[in-house]
Amino acid sequence: MKPEVLVGMSGGVDSTVTALLLQEQGYRVRGVYMKLHENDAYHRANYAKAQKVGEYLGVDVHFLDLSERFRQEVYDYFVEEYRSGRTPNPCVVCNRQIKFGEMLAFADSLGIEKVATGHYLRCDGRFIYTARDESKDQSYFLAQVRREVLPRLIFPLGEWLKEDVKAKAAEIPVLREIAEQKESSEICFVENDYTEILQKHMEIDREGEVLNEAGEVVGTHRGYMHYTIGKRRGFTVRGAHDPHYVLSLDPESNRIVVGTRERLEERDFEVERVNLFEDLQSFDAQVKVRYRTRAIPARVELEGAQGRVRLHEPVYGLARGQFAVFYDGDRLLGGGVIC
């Protein structure tokens, strides 16, 4: 008989089909619903869905309140990164600290070795690989997961297409309603726009100066936290004939620097807090500088958890604070924070 596995169950399609597939493969399944943020109505509704699915499958679904830990590790990081003029990726941090950190600790408390989620990626216990469904691949978001946890992880959806997952859910009466629900947002605690979160903690609508690269004041903006690198709207530039883009942010002076698109071009940048799934120092890789970007061939040279990435072709709008993620073909090598 296969071992017991703890499945992260959100009440959605992907985690539900994950639990079902593991049962069909002979695993003994237990579920856990993780309360991450403070939207109680959201959690009541989704925990009820997870319980309903659990009853149908004959699976106990535990309720794990991680909201305080999530606030400390993910939410506060999100706010402070924007405050400092950087662009965070809370999902990467959440996967390291919460989903494959605190969830594994909870599995340990239950005496369960294996943990599964509805992520679209593949894992053989030593390495992570991209999903068969390239349009849904989520391997990027696991680039900071600790190497030692990989033998414990199972991702049944890695070989599935999203359309087939939804079709399987729709075959089962109790799951049909779930199969028709819309996809959840990429950042679970952001309903519409990230600035709605920031304005709860600070004044974000402070008009400031727009500068060109020569340091000359050429316009005004709404407040630096409304902008990320590469944005081209929402500020004024006097006398400009070509489109202008945000090149950099200065939080202390509440100024932004703008220029033409070619000034966004970068081929060479530094990384910190590098996490790798094997021991490497200098290597060739394909590098993604954001989740929804094409992987670009590069040379990576590291010294400990810091290093430099030299791209073989340029990227535009490189944002400090985002994660550069390294691949060898379909194999995830790891990644670090762009600095």
C-alpha atoms as a PDB file:
ATOM      1  CA  MET A   1       0.000   0.000   0.000  1.00  0.00           C
ATOM      2  CA  LYS A   2       1.208   3.494  -0.804  1.00  0.00           C
ATOM      3  CA  PRO A   3       1.911   5.903   2.078  1.00  0.00           C
ATOM      4  CA  GLU A   4      -0.410   8.515   3.484  1.00  0.00           C
ATOM      5  CA  VAL A   5      -0.225  11.947   1.839  1.00  0.00           C
ATOM      6  CA  LEU A   6      -1.369  15.356   3.085  1.00  0.00           C
ATOM      7  CA  VAL A   7      -3.032  17.373   0.325  1.00  0.00           C
ATOM      8  CA  GLY A   8      -3.400  21.147   0.419  1.00  0.00           C
ATOM      9  CA  MET A   9      -7.114  21.582  -0.353  1.00  0.00           C
ATOM     10  CA  SER A  10      -8.460  25.033  -1.193  1.00  0.00           C
ATOM     11  CA  GLY A  11     -11.937  24.008  -2.335  1.00  0.00           C
ATOM     12  CA  GLY A  12     -10.962  24.665  -5.958  1.00  0.00           C
ATOM     13  CA  VAL A  13     -10.699  22.463  -9.025  1.00  0.00           C
ATOM     14  CA  ASP A  14      -6.968  21.785  -9.020  1.00  0.00           C
ATOM     15  CA  SER A  15      -6.571  20.737  -5.390  1.00  0.00           C
ATOM     16  CA  THR A  16      -9.771  18.678  -5.575  1.00  0.00           C
ATOM     17  CA  VAL A  17      -8.639  16.699  -8.616  1.00  0.00           C
ATOM     18  CA  THR A  18      -5.217  16.309  -6.991  1.00  0.00           C
ATOM     19  CA  ALA A  19      -6.817  14.544  -4.008  1.00  0.00           C
ATOM     20  CA  LEU A  20      -8.960  12.395  -6.291  1.00  0.00           C
ATOM     21  CA  LEU A  21      -6.022  11.327  -8.477  1.00  0.00           C
ATOM     22  CA  LEU A  22      -3.950  10.361  -5.448  1.00  0.00           C
ATOM     23  CA  GLN A  23      -6.792   8.225  -4.147  1.00  0.00           C
ATOM     24  CA  GLU A  24      -7.050   6.521  -7.527  1.00  0.00           C
ATOM     25  CA  GLN A  25      -3.302   5.855  -7.402  1.00  0.00           C
ATOM     26  CA  GLY A  26      -3.679   4.065  -4.067  1.00  0.00           C
ATOM     27  CA  TYR A  27      -2.566   6.750  -1.622  1.00  0.00           C
ATOM     28  CA  ARG A  28      -4.324   7.286   1.687  1.00  0.00           C
ATOM     29  CA  VAL A  29      -5.284  10.950   1.562  1.00  0.00           C
ATOM     30  CA  ARG A  30      -5.773  13.530   4.262  1.00  0.00           C
ATOM     31  CA  GLY A  31      -6.534  17.158   3.461  1.00  0.00           C
ATOM     32  CA  VAL A  32      -5.601  20.492   4.984  1.00  0.00           C
ATOM     33  CA  TYR A  33      -7.201  23.854   4.324  1.00  0.00           C
ATOM     34  CA  MET A  34      -4.748  26.677   5.076  1.00  0.00           C
ATOM     35  CA  LYS A  35      -6.119  30.018   6.211  1.00  0.00           C
ATOM     36  CA  LEU A  36      -3.560  32.504   4.936  1.00  0.00           C
ATOM     37  CA  HIS A  37      -5.011  35.999   5.007  1.00  0.00           C
ATOM     38  CA  GLU A  38      -7.667  37.767   7.086  1.00  0.00           C
ATOM     39  CA  ASN A  39     -10.658  37.676   4.725  1.00  0.00           C
ATOM     40  CA  ASP A  40     -12.899  35.541   6.949  1.00  0.00           C
ATOM     41  CA  ALA A  41     -15.827  35.407   4.505  1.00  0.00           C
ATOM     42  CA  TYR A  42     -13.483  34.113   1.786  1.00  0.00           C
ATOM     43  CA  HIS A  43     -12.141  31.390   4.064  1.00  0.00           C
ATOM     44  CA  ARG A  44     -15.545  30.307   5.372  1.00  0.00           C
ATOM     45  CA  ALA A  45     -16.815  29.818   1.812  1.00  0.00           C
ATOM     46  CA  ASN A  46     -13.751  27.952   0.582  1.00  0.00           C
ATOM     47  CA  TYR A  47     -13.338  25.785   3.662  1.00  0.00           C
ATOM     48  CA  ALA A  48     -16.989  24.754   3.256  1.00  0.00           C
ATOM     49  CA  LYS A  49     -16.203  23.719  -0.335  1.00  0.00           C
ATOM     50  CA  ALA A  50     -13.149  21.767   0.805  1.00  0.00           C
ATOM     51  CA  GLN A  51     -15.207  20.015   3.494  1.00  0.00           C
ATOM     52  CA  LYS A  52     -17.914  19.132   0.966  1.00  0.00           C
ATOM     53  CA  VAL A  53     -15.324  17.576  -1.322  1.00  0.00           C
ATOM     54  CA  GLY A  54     -13.727  15.813   1.639  1.00  0.00           C
ATOM     55  CA  GLU A  55     -17.043  14.259   2.618  1.00  0.00           C
ATOM     56  CA  TYR A  56     -17.560  12.984  -0.925  1.00  0.00           C
ATOM     57  CA  LEU A  57     -14.053  11.501  -1.124  1.00  0.00           C
ATOM     58  CA  GLY A  58     -14.074  10.203   2.454  1.00  0.00           C
ATOM     59  CA  VAL A  59     -11.158  12.477   3.322  1.00  0.00           C
ATOM     60  CA  ASP A  60     -10.665  14.331   6.619  1.00  0.00           C
ATOM     61  CA  VAL A  61      -9.899  18.010   5.933  1.00  0.00           C
ATOM     62  CA  HIS A  62      -8.027  19.789   8.705  1.00  0.00           C
ATOM     63  CA  PHE A  63      -8.243  23.564   9.188  1.00  0.00           C
ATOM     64  CA  LEU A  64      -4.838  25.192   9.694  1.00  0.00           C
ATOM     65  CA  ASP A  65      -4.743  28.873  10.643  1.00  0.00           C
ATOM     66  CA  LEU A  66      -1.479  30.276   9.277  1.00  0.00           C
ATOM     67  CA  SER A  67      -2.694  33.857   8.984  1.00  0.00           C
ATOM     68  CA  GLU A  68      -0.219  35.321  11.491  1.00  0.00           C
ATOM     69  CA  ARG A  69       2.727  33.515   9.962  1.00  0.00           C
ATOM     70  CA  PHE A  70       1.551  34.507   6.481  1.00  0.00           C
ATOM     71  CA  ARG A  71       1.277  38.140   7.542  1.00  0.00           C
ATOM     72  CA  GLN A  72       4.822  38.137   8.872  1.00  0.00           C
ATOM     73  CA  GLU A  73       6.466  36.248   6.028  1.00  0.00           C
ATOM     74  CA  VAL A  74       4.440  37.209   2.958  1.00  0.00           C
ATOM     75  CA  TYR A  75       2.047  40.116   3.457  1.00  0.00           C
ATOM     76  CA  ASP A  76       4.478  42.404   5.304  1.00  0.00           C
ATOM     77  CA  TYR A  77       7.209  41.565   2.789  1.00  0.00           C
ATOM     78  CA  PHE A  78       4.830  42.524  -0.039  1.00  0.00           C
ATOM     79  CA  VAL A  79       4.059  45.921   1.512  1.00  0.00           C
ATOM     80  CA  GLU A  80       7.649  46.747   2.470  1.00  0.00           C
ATOM     81  CA  GLU A  81       9.058  45.842  -0.939  1.00  0.00           C
ATOM     82  CA  TYR A  82       6.696  48.275  -2.647  1.00  0.00           C
ATOM     83  CA  ARG A  83       7.470  50.889  -0.002  1.00  0.00           C
ATOM     84  CA  SER A  84      11.172  50.557  -0.873  1.00  0.00           C
ATOM     85  CA  GLY A  85      10.517  50.945  -4.611  1.00  0.00           C
ATOM     86  CA  ARG A  86      11.014  47.274  -5.468  1.00  0.00           C
ATOM     87  CA  THR A  87       8.612  44.792  -7.099  1.00  0.00           C
ATOM     88  CA  PRO A  88       7.866  41.735  -4.920  1.00  0.00           C
ATOM     89  CA  ASN A  89       6.662  38.267  -5.829  1.00  0.00           C
ATOM     90  CA  PRO A  90       4.695  37.058  -2.792  1.00  0.00           C
ATOM     91  CA  CYS A  91       3.818  33.677  -4.342  1.00  0.00           C
ATOM     92  CA  VAL A  92       7.492  32.654  -4.497  1.00  0.00           C
ATOM     93  CA  VAL A  93       7.974  33.601  -0.846  1.00  0.00           C
ATOM     94  CA  CYS A  94       4.739  31.899   0.200  1.00  0.00           C
ATOM     95  CA  ASN A  95       5.741  28.620  -1.416  1.00  0.00           C
ATOM     96  CA  ARG A  96       9.053  28.559   0.446  1.00  0.00           C
ATOM     97  CA  GLN A  97       7.860  29.699   3.840  1.00  0.00           C
ATOM     98  CA  ILE A  98       4.214  28.608   4.019  1.00  0.00           C
ATOM     99  CA  LYS A  99       3.065  25.952   1.560  1.00  0.00           C
ATOM    100  CA  PHE A 100       6.311  23.967   1.580  1.00  0.00           C
ATOM    101  CA  GLY A 101       7.436  25.154   4.978  1.00  0.00           C
ATOM    102  CA  GLU A 102       4.571  25.396   7.479  1.00  0.00           C
ATOM    103  CA  MET A 103       2.466  22.809   5.652  1.00  0.00           C
ATOM    104  CA  LEU A 104       5.321  20.306   5.854  1.00  0.00           C
ATOM    105  CA  ALA A 105       5.706  21.052   9.560  1.00  0.00           C
ATOM    106  CA  PHE A 106       1.995  20.319   9.999  1.00  0.00           C
ATOM    107  CA  ALA A 107       2.434  17.044   8.084  1.00  0.00           C
ATOM    108  CA  ASP A 108       5.231  16.157  10.491  1.00  0.00           C
ATOM    109  CA  SER A 109       2.904  16.765  13.447  1.00  0.00           C
ATOM    110  CA  LEU A 110       0.499  14.230  11.928  1.00  0.00           C
ATOM    111  CA  GLY A 111       3.248  11.722  11.176  1.00  0.00           C
ATOM    112  CA  ILE A 112       2.765  12.094   7.407  1.00  0.00           C
ATOM    113  CA  GLU A 113       5.813  12.044   5.125  1.00  0.00           C
ATOM    114  CA  LYS A 114       4.370  13.027   1.734  1.00  0.00           C
ATOM    115  CA  VAL A 115       2.715  16.337   0.827  1.00  0.00           C
ATOM    116  CA  ALA A 116       0.844  17.202  -2.368  1.00  0.00           C
ATOM    117  CA  THR A 117      -0.662  20.329  -3.927  1.00  0.00           C
ATOM    118  CA  GLY A 118      -2.463  21.233  -7.134  1.00  0.00           C
ATOM    119  CA  HIS A 119       0.508  23.043  -8.681  1.00  0.00           C
ATOM    120  CA  TYR A 120       1.171  22.441 -12.355  1.00  0.00           C
ATOM    121  CA  LEU A 121       4.732  21.090 -12.417  1.00  0.00           C
ATOM    122  CA  ARG A 122       6.545  17.792 -12.181  1.00  0.00           C
ATOM    123  CA  CYS A 123       8.908  16.505  -9.483  1.00  0.00           C
ATOM    124  CA  ASP A 124      10.909  13.272  -9.325  1.00  0.00           C
ATOM    125  CA  GLY A 125      12.088  13.758  -5.742  1.00  0.00           C
ATOM    126  CA  ARG A 126      15.437  15.252  -6.787  1.00  0.00           C
ATOM    127  CA  PHE A 127      14.440  17.956  -9.232  1.00  0.00           C
ATOM    128  CA  ILE A 128      11.452  20.011 -10.332  1.00  0.00           C
ATOM    129  CA  TYR A 129      10.465  20.109 -14.009  1.00  0.00           C
ATOM    130  CA  THR A 130       8.053  22.238 -15.995  1.00  0.00           C
ATOM    131  CA  ALA A 131       4.488  21.036 -16.445  1.00  0.00           C
ATOM    132  CA  ARG A 132       3.218  19.258 -19.512  1.00  0.00           C
ATOM    133  CA  ASP A 133       0.696  22.117 -19.887  1.00  0.00           C
ATOM    134  CA  GLU A 134       3.139  24.924 -20.646  1.00  0.00           C
ATOM    135  CA  SER A 135       0.401  27.561 -20.402  1.00  0.00           C
ATOM    136  CA  LYS A 136      -0.222  26.596 -16.748  1.00  0.00           C
ATOM    137  CA  ASP A 137       3.331  25.762 -15.670  1.00  0.00           C
ATOM    138  CA  GLN A 138       4.027  27.009 -12.122  1.00  0.00           C
ATOM    139  CA  SER A 139       7.605  25.816 -11.654  1.00  0.00           C
ATOM    140  CA  TYR A 140       8.802  29.457 -11.547  1.00  0.00           C
ATOM    141  CA  PHE A 141       7.044  29.930  -8.220  1.00  0.00           C
ATOM    142  CA  LEU A 142       8.945  27.059  -6.573  1.00  0.00           C
ATOM    143  CA  ALA A 143      12.445  28.350  -7.366  1.00  0.00           C
ATOM    144  CA  GLN A 144      13.065  29.247  -3.700  1.00  0.00           C
ATOM    145  CA  VAL A 145      11.752  26.028  -2.126  1.00  0.00           C
ATOM    146  CA  ARG A 146      14.386  24.330   0.037  1.00  0.00           C
ATOM    147  CA  ARG A 147      16.217  21.528  -1.736  1.00  0.00           C
ATOM    148  CA  GLU A 148      15.803  19.068   1.130  1.00  0.00           C
ATOM    149  CA  VAL A 149      11.986  19.052   0.897  1.00  0.00           C
ATOM    150  CA  LEU A 150      11.799  17.843  -2.724  1.00  0.00           C
ATOM    151  CA  PRO A 151      11.744  14.090  -1.882  1.00  0.00           C
ATOM    152  CA  ARG A 152       8.526  14.669   0.074  1.00  0.00           C
ATOM    153  CA  LEU A 153       6.550  16.477  -2.649  1.00  0.00           C
ATOM    154  CA  ILE A 154       3.989  15.080  -5.110  1.00  0.00           C
ATOM    155  CA  PHE A 155       2.381  17.055  -7.935  1.00  0.00           C
ATOM    156  CA  PRO A 156      -0.182  14.873  -9.741  1.00  0.00           C
ATOM    157  CA  LEU A 157      -1.255  17.614 -12.169  1.00  0.00           C
ATOM    158  CA  GLY A 158       2.182  17.974 -13.729  1.00  0.00           C
ATOM    159  CA  GLU A 159       1.286  15.544 -16.519  1.00  0.00           C
ATOM    160  CA  TRP A 160      -2.220  16.917 -17.054  1.00  0.00           C
ATOM    161  CA  LEU A 161      -3.671  19.605 -19.283  1.00  0.00           C
ATOM    162  CA  LYS A 162      -5.883  22.115 -17.506  1.00  0.00           C
ATOM    163  CA  GLU A 163      -8.816  21.350 -19.796  1.00  0.00           C
ATOM    164  CA  ASP A 164      -8.590  17.662 -18.868  1.00  0.00           C
ATOM    165  CA  VAL A 165      -8.480  18.521 -15.156  1.00  0.00           C
ATOM    166  CA  LYS A 166     -11.684  20.556 -15.483  1.00  0.00           C
ATOM    167  CA  ALA A 167     -13.301  17.776 -17.513  1.00  0.00           C
ATOM    168  CA  LYS A 168     -12.477  15.205 -14.827  1.00  0.00           C
ATOM    169  CA  ALA A 169     -13.940  17.447 -12.130  1.00  0.00           C
ATOM    170  CA  ALA A 170     -17.105  17.940 -14.181  1.00  0.00           C
ATOM    171  CA  GLU A 171     -17.678  14.161 -14.349  1.00  0.00           C
ATOM    172  CA  ILE A 172     -18.332  14.003 -10.603  1.00  0.00           C
ATOM    173  CA  PRO A 173     -21.640  15.435  -9.333  1.00  0.00           C
ATOM    174  CA  VAL A 174     -20.297  17.109  -6.198  1.00  0.00           C
ATOM    175  CA  LEU A 175     -17.513  18.742  -8.221  1.00  0.00           C
ATOM    176  CA  ARG A 176     -19.507  20.122 -11.165  1.00  0.00           C
ATOM    177  CA  GLU A 177     -20.170  23.453  -9.496  1.00  0.00           C
ATOM    178  CA  ILE A 178     -16.501  23.801  -8.611  1.00  0.00           C
ATOM    179  CA  ALA A 179     -15.445  22.934 -12.168  1.00  0.00           C
ATOM    180  CA  GLU A 180     -17.386  25.916 -13.502  1.00  0.00           C
ATOM    181  CA  GLN A 181     -16.004  28.494 -11.052  1.00  0.00           C
ATOM    182  CA  LYS A 182     -13.589  31.108 -12.343  1.00  0.00           C
ATOM    183  CA  GLU A 183      -9.860  30.883 -11.762  1.00  0.00           C
ATOM    184  CA  SER A 184      -8.563  32.374  -8.527  1.00  0.00           C
ATOM    185  CA  SER A 185      -6.406  35.498  -8.714  1.00  0.00           C
ATOM    186  CA  GLU A 186      -2.646  35.080  -8.932  1.00  0.00           C
ATOM    187  CA  ILE A 187      -2.068  36.816  -5.571  1.00  0.00           C
ATOM    188  CA  CYS A 188      -4.613  35.438  -3.122  1.00  0.00           C
ATOM    189  CA  PHE A 189      -4.932  38.557  -0.941  1.00  0.00           C
ATOM    190  CA  VAL A 190      -5.165  41.049  -3.846  1.00  0.00           C
ATOM    191  CA  GLU A 191      -8.695  41.304  -5.205  1.00  0.00           C
ATOM    192  CA  ASN A 192      -8.222  43.973  -7.880  1.00  0.00           C
ATOM    193  CA  ASP A 193      -5.035  46.038  -7.771  1.00  0.00           C
ATOM    194  CA  TYR A 194      -1.995  45.913  -5.499  1.00  0.00           C
ATOM    195  CA  THR A 195      -2.351  49.592  -4.625  1.00  0.00           C
ATOM    196  CA  GLU A 196      -5.578  48.760  -2.744  1.00  0.00           C
ATOM    197  CA  ILE A 197      -3.398  46.856  -0.265  1.00  0.00           C
ATOM    198  CA  LEU A 198      -0.723  49.544  -0.024  1.00  0.00           C
ATOM    199  CA  GLN A 199      -3.146  52.378   0.703  1.00  0.00           C
ATOM    200  CA  LYS A 200      -4.236  50.573   3.874  1.00  0.00           C
ATOM    201  CA  HIS A 201      -0.750  51.078   5.288  1.00  0.00           C
ATOM    202  CA  MET A 202       0.596  54.324   3.857  1.00  0.00           C
ATOM    203  CA  GLU A 203      -0.177  57.434   1.838  1.00  0.00           C
ATOM    204  CA  ILE A 204       0.341  56.447  -1.789  1.00  0.00           C
ATOM    205  CA  ASP A 205      -1.319  59.421  -3.534  1.00  0.00           C
ATOM    206  CA  ARG A 206       1.442  62.000  -3.076  1.00  0.00           C
ATOM    207  CA  GLU A 207       2.134  63.926  -6.252  1.00  0.00           C
ATOM    208  CA  GLY A 208       5.817  63.966  -7.161  1.00  0.00           C
ATOM    209  CA  GLU A 209       8.243  65.008  -9.856  1.00  0.00           C
ATOM    210  CA  VAL A 210       9.054  63.134 -13.055  1.00  0.00           C
ATOM    211  CA  LEU A 211      12.725  63.447 -14.060  1.00  0.00           C
ATOM    212  CA  ASN A 212      14.571  62.612 -17.237  1.00  0.00           C
ATOM    213  CA  GLU A 213      17.942  60.863 -17.123  1.00  0.00           C
ATOM    214  CA  ALA A 214      19.715  64.213 -17.021  1.00  0.00           C
ATOM    215  CA  GLY A 215      17.972  64.962 -13.726  1.00  0.00           C
ATOM    216  CA  GLU A 216      15.685  67.622 -15.194  1.00  0.00           C
ATOM    217  CA  VAL A 217      12.089  67.901 -13.990  1.00  0.00           C
ATOM    218  CA  VAL A 218       9.875  67.154 -16.983  1.00  0.00           C
ATOM    219  CA  GLY A 219       6.483  66.347 -15.446  1.00  0.00           C
ATOM    220  CA  THR A 220       4.483  65.043 -12.490  1.00  0.00           C
ATOM    221  CA  HIS A 221       3.167  61.719 -11.219  1.00  0.00           C
ATOM    222  CA  ARG A 222       0.559  60.435  -8.727  1.00  0.00           C
ATOM    223  CA  GLY A 223       2.952  58.904  -6.190  1.00  0.00           C
ATOM    224  CA  TYR A 224       5.857  56.509  -6.782  1.00  0.00           C
ATOM    225  CA  MET A 225       4.044  53.413  -5.474  1.00  0.00           C
ATOM    226  CA  HIS A 226       1.663  53.560  -8.426  1.00  0.00           C
ATOM    227  CA  TYR A 227       4.544  52.662 -10.751  1.00  0.00           C
ATOM    228  CA  THR A 228       6.750  49.714 -11.547  1.00  0.00           C
ATOM    229  CA  ILE A 229       9.714  49.585 -13.907  1.00  0.00           C
ATOM    230  CA  GLY A 230       8.564  49.694 -17.526  1.00  0.00           C
ATOM    231  CA  LYS A 231       5.193  51.331 -16.913  1.00  0.00           C
ATOM    232  CA  ARG A 232       4.370  53.933 -19.556  1.00  0.00           C
ATOM    233  CA  ARG A 233       1.154  55.560 -18.385  1.00  0.00           C
ATOM    234  CA  GLY A 234      -0.175  57.532 -15.442  1.00  0.00           C
ATOM    235  CA  PHE A 235       2.392  60.351 -15.454  1.00  0.00           C
ATOM    236  CA  THR A 236       3.014  63.479 -17.537  1.00  0.00           C
ATOM    237  CA  VAL A 237       6.106  64.331 -19.585  1.00  0.00           C
ATOM    238  CA  ARG A 238       6.238  67.803 -21.088  1.00  0.00           C
ATOM    239  CA  GLY A 239       7.234  68.106 -24.731  1.00  0.00           C
ATOM    240  CA  ALA A 240       7.727  64.360 -25.270  1.00  0.00           C
ATOM    241  CA  HIS A 241       7.220  63.031 -28.803  1.00  0.00           C
ATOM    242  CA  ASP A 242       8.092  59.396 -28.113  1.00  0.00           C
ATOM    243  CA  PRO A 243       6.478  57.159 -25.461  1.00  0.00           C
ATOM    244  CA  HIS A 244       8.262  57.316 -22.117  1.00  0.00           C
ATOM    245  CA  TYR A 245       8.629  54.509 -19.591  1.00  0.00           C
ATOM    246  CA  VAL A 246       9.527  54.350 -15.919  1.00  0.00           C
ATOM    247  CA  LEU A 247      13.253  53.592 -15.625  1.00  0.00           C
ATOM    248  CA  SER A 248      13.708  53.892 -11.855  1.00  0.00           C
ATOM    249  CA  LEU A 249      11.980  54.936  -8.638  1.00  0.00           C
ATOM    250  CA  ASP A 250      13.305  57.075  -5.787  1.00  0.00           C
ATOM    251  CA  PRO A 251      11.140  56.393  -2.710  1.00  0.00           C
ATOM    252  CA  GLU A 252      12.906  58.912  -0.480  1.00  0.00           C
ATOM    253  CA  SER A 253      12.229  61.872  -2.772  1.00  0.00           C
ATOM    254  CA  ASN A 254       9.002  60.461  -4.270  1.00  0.00           C
ATOM    255  CA  ARG A 255      10.452  60.909  -7.760  1.00  0.00           C
ATOM    256  CA  ILE A 256      10.446  58.681 -10.807  1.00  0.00           C
ATOM    257  CA  VAL A 257      12.907  58.730 -13.711  1.00  0.00           C
ATOM    258  CA  VAL A 258      11.589  58.107 -17.210  1.00  0.00           C
ATOM    259  CA  GLY A 259      13.066  57.559 -20.657  1.00  0.00           C
ATOM    260  CA  THR A 260      12.477  55.918 -24.017  1.00  0.00           C
ATOM    261  CA  ARG A 261      12.024  52.167 -24.406  1.00  0.00           C
ATOM    262  CA  GLU A 262      15.594  51.462 -25.476  1.00  0.00           C
ATOM    263  CA  ARG A 263      16.752  52.799 -22.090  1.00  0.00           C
ATOM    264  CA  LEU A 264      14.933  49.880 -20.451  1.00  0.00           C
ATOM    265  CA  GLU A 265      17.229  47.386 -22.146  1.00  0.00           C
ATOM    266  CA  GLU A 266      19.385  45.278 -19.822  1.00  0.00           C
ATOM    267  CA  ARG A 267      21.646  42.288 -20.391  1.00  0.00           C
ATOM    268  CA  ASP A 268      23.624  42.125 -17.175  1.00  0.00           C
ATOM    269  CA  PHE A 269      22.363  42.170 -13.574  1.00  0.00           C
ATOM    270  CA  GLU A 270      23.096  40.905 -10.089  1.00  0.00           C
ATOM    271  CA  VAL A 271      21.123  38.420  -7.992  1.00  0.00           C
ATOM    272  CA  GLU A 272      21.029  37.673  -4.277  1.00  0.00           C
ATOM    273  CA  ARG A 273      19.414  35.068  -2.001  1.00  0.00           C
ATOM    274  CA  VAL A 274      20.103  32.435  -4.644  1.00  0.00           C
ATOM    275  CA  ASN A 275      18.558  29.021  -4.006  1.00  0.00           C
ATOM    276  CA  LEU A 276      19.706  26.039  -6.102  1.00  0.00           C
ATOM    277  CA  PHE A 277      18.671  22.388  -6.303  1.00  0.00           C
ATOM    278  CA  GLU A 278      22.213  21.216  -7.037  1.00  0.00           C
ATOM    279  CA  ASP A 279      25.697  22.553  -6.310  1.00  0.00           C
ATOM    280  CA  LEU A 280      26.577  24.972  -9.109  1.00  0.00           C
ATOM    281  CA  GLN A 281      28.805  28.032  -9.378  1.00  0.00           C
ATOM    282  CA  SER A 282      29.260  28.977 -13.036  1.00  0.00           C
ATOM    283  CA  PHE A 283      26.784  27.544 -15.504  1.00  0.00           C
ATOM    284  CA  ASP A 284      24.733  28.176 -18.617  1.00  0.00           C
ATOM    285  CA  ALA A 285      20.976  28.357 -18.210  1.00  0.00           C
ATOM    286  CA  GLN A 286      17.752  29.717 -19.594  1.00  0.00           C
ATOM    287  CA  VAL A 287      16.576  32.542 -17.357  1.00  0.00           C
ATOM    288  CA  LYS A 288      13.083  33.935 -16.754  1.00  0.00           C
ATOM    289  CA  VAL A 289      13.062  37.388 -15.160  1.00  0.00           C
ATOM    290  CA  ARG A 290       9.289  37.334 -14.575  1.00  0.00           C
ATOM    291  CA  TYR A 291       6.703  34.564 -14.512  1.00  0.00           C
ATOM    292  CA  ARG A 292       5.067  35.513 -17.805  1.00  0.00           C
ATOM    293  CA  THR A 293       8.235  35.992 -19.848  1.00  0.00           C
ATOM    294  CA  ARG A 294      10.218  33.842 -22.234  1.00  0.00           C
ATOM    295  CA  ALA A 295      13.288  32.095 -20.863  1.00  0.00           C
ATOM    296  CA  ILE A 296      16.462  33.662 -22.291  1.00  0.00           C
ATOM    297  CA  PRO A 297      19.859  31.921 -22.631  1.00  0.00           C
ATOM    298  CA  ALA A 298      22.382  33.279 -20.144  1.00  0.00           C
ATOM    299  CA  ARG A 299      25.596  32.693 -18.232  1.00  0.00           C
ATOM    300  CA  VAL A 300      25.213  32.603 -14.464  1.00  0.00           C
ATOM    301  CA  GLU A 301      28.227  33.095 -12.187  1.00  0.00           C
ATOM    302  CA  LEU A 302      27.712  32.707  -8.454  1.00  0.00           C
ATOM    303  CA  GLU A 303      29.671  33.146  -5.274  1.00  0.00           C
ATOM    304  CA  GLY A 304      27.634  31.680  -2.468  1.00  0.00           C
ATOM    305  CA  ALA A 305      24.085  33.053  -2.516  1.00  0.00           C
ATOM    306  CA  GLN A 306      24.995  36.032  -4.712  1.00  0.00           C
ATOM    307  CA  GLY A 307      26.090  36.387  -8.296  1.00  0.00           C
ATOM    308  CA  ARG A 308      25.719  37.878 -11.736  1.00  0.00           C
ATOM    309  CA  VAL A 309      23.554  36.936 -14.715  1.00  0.00           C
ATOM    310  CA  ARG A 310      24.710  37.802 -18.244  1.00  0.00           C
ATOM    311  CA  LEU A 311      21.902  37.423 -20.760  1.00  0.00           C
ATOM    312  CA  HIS A 312      22.638  36.512 -24.381  1.00  0.00           C
ATOM    313  CA  GLU A 313      19.898  38.868 -25.532  1.00  0.00           C
ATOM    314  CA  PRO A 314      18.318  41.882 -23.860  1.00  0.00           C
ATOM    315  CA  VAL A 315      15.253  42.130 -21.653  1.00  0.00           C
ATOM    316  CA  TYR A 316      13.202  45.267 -21.136  1.00  0.00           C
ATOM    317  CA  GLY A 317      11.887  46.556 -17.821  1.00  0.00           C
ATOM    318  CA  LEU A 318      13.959  44.459 -15.418  1.00  0.00           C
ATOM    319  CA  ALA A 319      12.437  44.997 -11.967  1.00  0.00           C
ATOM    320  CA  ARG A 320      14.504  44.857  -8.774  1.00  0.00           C
ATOM    321  CA  GLY A 321      12.849  42.582  -6.242  1.00  0.00           C
ATOM    322  CA  GLN A 322      11.475  40.129  -8.798  1.00  0.00           C
ATOM    323  CA  PHE A 323      12.991  36.653  -9.115  1.00  0.00           C
ATOM    324  CA  ALA A 324      15.356  35.493 -11.833  1.00  0.00           C
ATOM    325  CA  VAL A 325      14.668  31.778 -12.253  1.00  0.00           C
ATOM    326  CA  PHE A 326      17.138  29.399 -13.902  1.00  0.00           C
ATOM    327  CA  TYR A 327      16.299  26.389 -16.099  1.00  0.00           C
ATOM    328  CA  ASP A 328      18.221  23.683 -17.909  1.00  0.00           C
ATOM    329  CA  GLY A 329      15.681  22.796 -20.575  1.00  0.00           C
ATOM    330  CA  ASP A 330      12.589  21.692 -18.649  1.00  0.00           C
ATOM    331  CA  ARG A 331      14.504  21.219 -15.375  1.00  0.00           C
ATOM    332  CA  LEU A 332      14.329  23.925 -12.714  1.00  0.00           C
ATOM    333  CA  LEU A 333      17.775  24.782 -11.380  1.00  0.00           C
ATOM    334  CA  GLY A 334      16.694  27.421  -8.864  1.00  0.00           C
ATOM    335  CA  GLY A 335      16.650  31.201  -8.733  1.00  0.00           C
ATOM    336  CA  GLY A 336      17.496  34.404  -6.916  1.00  0.00           C
ATOM    337  CA  VAL A 337      16.253  37.928  -6.267  1.00  0.00           C
ATOM    338  CA  ILE A 338      17.133  40.559  -8.863  1.00  0.00           C
ATOM    339  CA  CYS A 339      19.041  43.392  -7.162  1.00  0.00           C
END
